[in-house]
Amino acid sequence: MSEKRFTKPVKIRLDKVHVIGSTREAVDFLMSVHWPGERGARHHEARDTCLKALDGVRSAAEARHAFVEAAREAGVLLEE
């Protein structure tokens, strides 16, 4: 698995502000016990897309987009 960097980091707020700059970091947060609320459809899509990006099947841009949507769904995305 190869870590894919995002062209632009994603900022989320859980216990504090976190700056997510790669698919590996996104997967870590998506699978964390700290992810808030129920894990909805966008969360599952983001997890799958990020894992596929790590395997080289999907792009970092696709993974970032899916992660942003999951963070938005969970109410933790810090919009820019």
N, C-alpha and C. Protein backbone atom coordinates (compact mmCIF):
# COMPACT_ATOMS: atom_id res chain seq x y z
N MET A 1 0.84 -1.19 0.00
CA MET A 1 0.00 0.00 0.00
C MET A 1 0.88 1.24 0.00
N SER A 2 0.56 2.14 -0.87
CA SER A 2 1.33 3.37 -1.01
C SER A 2 0.50 4.56 -0.55
N GLU A 3 1.07 5.35 0.36
CA GLU A 3 0.37 6.54 0.83
C GLU A 3 0.28 7.55 -0.31
N LYS A 4 -0.91 8.06 -0.53
CA LYS A 4 -1.14 9.07 -1.58
C LYS A 4 -1.44 10.39 -0.90
N ARG A 5 -0.68 11.42 -1.22
CA ARG A 5 -0.87 12.74 -0.63
C ARG A 5 -2.01 13.46 -1.34
N PHE A 6 -2.78 14.22 -0.58
CA PHE A 6 -3.82 15.07 -1.15
C PHE A 6 -3.17 16.34 -1.68
N THR A 7 -3.69 16.89 -2.78
CA THR A 7 -3.15 18.14 -3.30
C THR A 7 -3.44 19.30 -2.36
N LYS A 8 -4.54 19.18 -1.60
CA LYS A 8 -4.91 20.19 -0.61
C LYS A 8 -5.41 19.46 0.63
N PRO A 9 -4.83 19.73 1.80
CA PRO A 9 -5.27 19.05 3.02
C PRO A 9 -6.73 19.35 3.35
N VAL A 10 -7.34 18.45 4.10
CA VAL A 10 -8.72 18.60 4.57
C VAL A 10 -8.66 18.84 6.08
N LYS A 11 -9.37 19.87 6.53
CA LYS A 11 -9.41 20.17 7.97
C LYS A 11 -10.72 19.68 8.56
N ILE A 12 -10.59 18.93 9.66
CA ILE A 12 -11.77 18.45 10.37
C ILE A 12 -11.61 18.79 11.86
N ARG A 13 -12.75 18.85 12.54
CA ARG A 13 -12.71 19.08 13.98
C ARG A 13 -13.38 17.91 14.68
N LEU A 14 -12.58 17.19 15.46
CA LEU A 14 -13.11 16.15 16.33
C LEU A 14 -12.90 16.66 17.76
N ASP A 15 -11.91 16.14 18.47
CA ASP A 15 -11.58 16.66 19.78
C ASP A 15 -10.80 17.97 19.65
N LYS A 16 -10.14 18.14 18.53
CA LYS A 16 -9.40 19.35 18.17
C LYS A 16 -9.35 19.39 16.65
N VAL A 17 -8.73 20.41 16.09
CA VAL A 17 -8.61 20.51 14.63
C VAL A 17 -7.51 19.56 14.16
N HIS A 18 -7.84 18.78 13.15
CA HIS A 18 -6.89 17.86 12.54
C HIS A 18 -6.77 18.22 11.06
N VAL A 19 -5.55 18.18 10.55
CA VAL A 19 -5.30 18.45 9.14
C VAL A 19 -4.93 17.11 8.49
N ILE A 20 -5.79 16.68 7.57
CA ILE A 20 -5.62 15.39 6.91
C ILE A 20 -5.01 15.63 5.54
N GLY A 21 -3.80 15.11 5.34
CA GLY A 21 -3.08 15.40 4.12
C GLY A 21 -2.85 14.22 3.19
N SER A 22 -3.37 13.04 3.57
CA SER A 22 -3.11 11.87 2.73
C SER A 22 -4.21 10.83 2.90
N THR A 23 -4.20 9.87 1.99
CA THR A 23 -5.17 8.78 2.07
C THR A 23 -4.96 7.96 3.34
N ARG A 24 -3.72 7.75 3.74
CA ARG A 24 -3.43 6.98 4.96
C ARG A 24 -4.02 7.68 6.18
N GLU A 25 -3.81 8.99 6.28
CA GLU A 25 -4.37 9.75 7.40
C GLU A 25 -5.90 9.70 7.38
N ALA A 26 -6.48 9.79 6.19
CA ALA A 26 -7.94 9.74 6.07
C ALA A 26 -8.46 8.39 6.55
N VAL A 27 -7.83 7.30 6.13
CA VAL A 27 -8.25 5.97 6.57
C VAL A 27 -8.14 5.85 8.09
N ASP A 28 -7.04 6.35 8.64
CA ASP A 28 -6.86 6.28 10.09
C ASP A 28 -8.01 6.96 10.83
N PHE A 29 -8.43 8.13 10.36
CA PHE A 29 -9.53 8.84 11.01
C PHE A 29 -10.87 8.17 10.75
N LEU A 30 -11.07 7.68 9.54
CA LEU A 30 -12.34 7.01 9.23
C LEU A 30 -12.53 5.74 10.06
N MET A 31 -11.45 5.08 10.40
CA MET A 31 -11.53 3.84 11.16
C MET A 31 -11.35 4.07 12.66
N SER A 32 -11.14 5.30 13.05
CA SER A 32 -10.91 5.65 14.45
C SER A 32 -12.19 5.54 15.27
N VAL A 33 -12.03 5.18 16.52
CA VAL A 33 -13.19 5.16 17.43
C VAL A 33 -13.67 6.57 17.72
N HIS A 34 -12.88 7.56 17.36
CA HIS A 34 -13.24 8.96 17.61
C HIS A 34 -14.14 9.55 16.54
N TRP A 35 -14.34 8.83 15.42
CA TRP A 35 -15.23 9.35 14.37
C TRP A 35 -16.63 9.49 14.97
N PRO A 36 -17.24 10.66 14.84
CA PRO A 36 -18.50 10.91 15.55
C PRO A 36 -19.72 10.26 14.92
N GLY A 37 -20.69 9.96 15.77
CA GLY A 37 -21.99 9.51 15.30
C GLY A 37 -21.97 8.17 14.58
N GLU A 38 -23.07 7.93 13.90
CA GLU A 38 -23.18 6.70 13.12
C GLU A 38 -22.36 6.81 11.85
N ARG A 39 -21.89 5.71 11.40
CA ARG A 39 -21.08 5.69 10.19
C ARG A 39 -22.01 5.41 9.01
N GLY A 40 -22.38 6.51 8.34
CA GLY A 40 -23.35 6.44 7.26
C GLY A 40 -22.75 5.99 5.94
N ALA A 41 -23.56 6.12 4.90
CA ALA A 41 -23.17 5.66 3.56
C ALA A 41 -21.93 6.38 3.06
N ARG A 42 -21.83 7.67 3.30
CA ARG A 42 -20.66 8.41 2.82
C ARG A 42 -19.39 7.99 3.57
N HIS A 43 -19.53 7.65 4.84
CA HIS A 43 -18.39 7.15 5.60
C HIS A 43 -17.87 5.85 4.98
N HIS A 44 -18.78 4.93 4.71
CA HIS A 44 -18.38 3.65 4.12
C HIS A 44 -17.78 3.84 2.74
N GLU A 45 -18.37 4.72 1.95
CA GLU A 45 -17.83 5.02 0.61
C GLU A 45 -16.42 5.60 0.72
N ALA A 46 -16.23 6.52 1.66
CA ALA A 46 -14.91 7.14 1.84
C ALA A 46 -13.87 6.12 2.28
N ARG A 47 -14.24 5.27 3.22
CA ARG A 47 -13.31 4.25 3.68
C ARG A 47 -12.89 3.34 2.52
N ASP A 48 -13.87 2.88 1.76
CA ASP A 48 -13.57 1.99 0.63
C ASP A 48 -12.73 2.70 -0.43
N THR A 49 -13.07 3.94 -0.74
CA THR A 49 -12.33 4.69 -1.76
C THR A 49 -10.90 4.95 -1.31
N CYS A 50 -10.71 5.32 -0.06
CA CYS A 50 -9.36 5.58 0.45
C CYS A 50 -8.52 4.30 0.45
N LEU A 51 -9.11 3.19 0.86
CA LEU A 51 -8.37 1.93 0.84
C LEU A 51 -8.00 1.53 -0.59
N LYS A 52 -8.91 1.75 -1.52
CA LYS A 52 -8.60 1.45 -2.93
C LYS A 52 -7.53 2.38 -3.47
N ALA A 53 -7.51 3.63 -3.01
CA ALA A 53 -6.46 4.56 -3.42
C ALA A 53 -5.10 4.09 -2.90
N LEU A 54 -5.08 3.59 -1.67
CA LEU A 54 -3.83 3.06 -1.12
C LEU A 54 -3.33 1.87 -1.93
N ASP A 55 -4.26 1.11 -2.50
CA ASP A 55 -3.89 -0.05 -3.33
C ASP A 55 -3.61 0.34 -4.78
N GLY A 56 -3.80 1.62 -5.11
CA GLY A 56 -3.51 2.09 -6.46
C GLY A 56 -4.67 1.94 -7.44
N VAL A 57 -5.85 1.56 -6.93
CA VAL A 57 -7.01 1.35 -7.79
C VAL A 57 -7.78 2.65 -8.02
N ARG A 58 -7.79 3.53 -7.03
CA ARG A 58 -8.46 4.83 -7.12
C ARG A 58 -7.42 5.92 -6.93
N SER A 59 -7.76 7.14 -7.30
CA SER A 59 -6.81 8.26 -7.20
C SER A 59 -6.91 8.95 -5.84
N ALA A 60 -5.88 9.70 -5.51
CA ALA A 60 -5.90 10.50 -4.29
C ALA A 60 -7.00 11.55 -4.35
N ALA A 61 -7.27 12.09 -5.53
CA ALA A 61 -8.33 13.09 -5.68
C ALA A 61 -9.70 12.48 -5.38
N GLU A 62 -9.93 11.26 -5.85
CA GLU A 62 -11.19 10.58 -5.55
C GLU A 62 -11.32 10.30 -4.06
N ALA A 63 -10.22 9.88 -3.46
CA ALA A 63 -10.22 9.60 -2.02
C ALA A 63 -10.48 10.87 -1.22
N ARG A 64 -9.86 11.96 -1.62
CA ARG A 64 -10.06 13.23 -0.92
C ARG A 64 -11.52 13.66 -1.01
N HIS A 65 -12.08 13.58 -2.20
CA HIS A 65 -13.47 13.98 -2.39
C HIS A 65 -14.40 13.14 -1.51
N ALA A 66 -14.18 11.84 -1.48
CA ALA A 66 -15.01 10.95 -0.67
C ALA A 66 -14.85 11.26 0.82
N PHE A 67 -13.62 11.57 1.24
CA PHE A 67 -13.37 11.90 2.64
C PHE A 67 -14.07 13.21 3.02
N VAL A 68 -14.00 14.20 2.14
CA VAL A 68 -14.68 15.48 2.38
C VAL A 68 -16.18 15.25 2.56
N GLU A 69 -16.77 14.44 1.71
CA GLU A 69 -18.21 14.17 1.81
C GLU A 69 -18.56 13.45 3.11
N ALA A 70 -17.71 12.52 3.53
CA ALA A 70 -17.95 11.81 4.79
C ALA A 70 -17.82 12.76 5.98
N ALA A 71 -16.83 13.63 5.93
CA ALA A 71 -16.65 14.61 7.01
C ALA A 71 -17.81 15.58 7.06
N ARG A 72 -18.30 15.97 5.89
CA ARG A 72 -19.46 16.86 5.83
C ARG A 72 -20.69 16.16 6.43
N GLU A 73 -20.92 14.91 6.04
CA GLU A 73 -22.04 14.13 6.56
C GLU A 73 -21.98 14.02 8.09
N ALA A 74 -20.77 13.86 8.63
CA ALA A 74 -20.59 13.71 10.08
C ALA A 74 -20.60 15.04 10.82
N GLY A 75 -20.57 16.15 10.07
CA GLY A 75 -20.58 17.46 10.70
C GLY A 75 -19.25 17.88 11.29
N VAL A 76 -18.15 17.31 10.79
CA VAL A 76 -16.83 17.65 11.32
C VAL A 76 -15.95 18.41 10.32
N LEU A 77 -16.43 18.60 9.11
CA LEU A 77 -15.65 19.30 8.09
C LEU A 77 -15.55 20.78 8.42
N LEU A 78 -14.35 21.31 8.38
CA LEU A 78 -14.15 22.75 8.51
C LEU A 78 -14.07 23.30 7.09
N GLU A 79 -15.15 23.90 6.65
CA GLU A 79 -15.23 24.43 5.29
C GLU A 79 -14.22 25.55 5.10
N GLU A 80 -13.70 25.62 3.89
CA GLU A 80 -12.71 26.67 3.59
C GLU A 80 -13.32 27.74 2.75
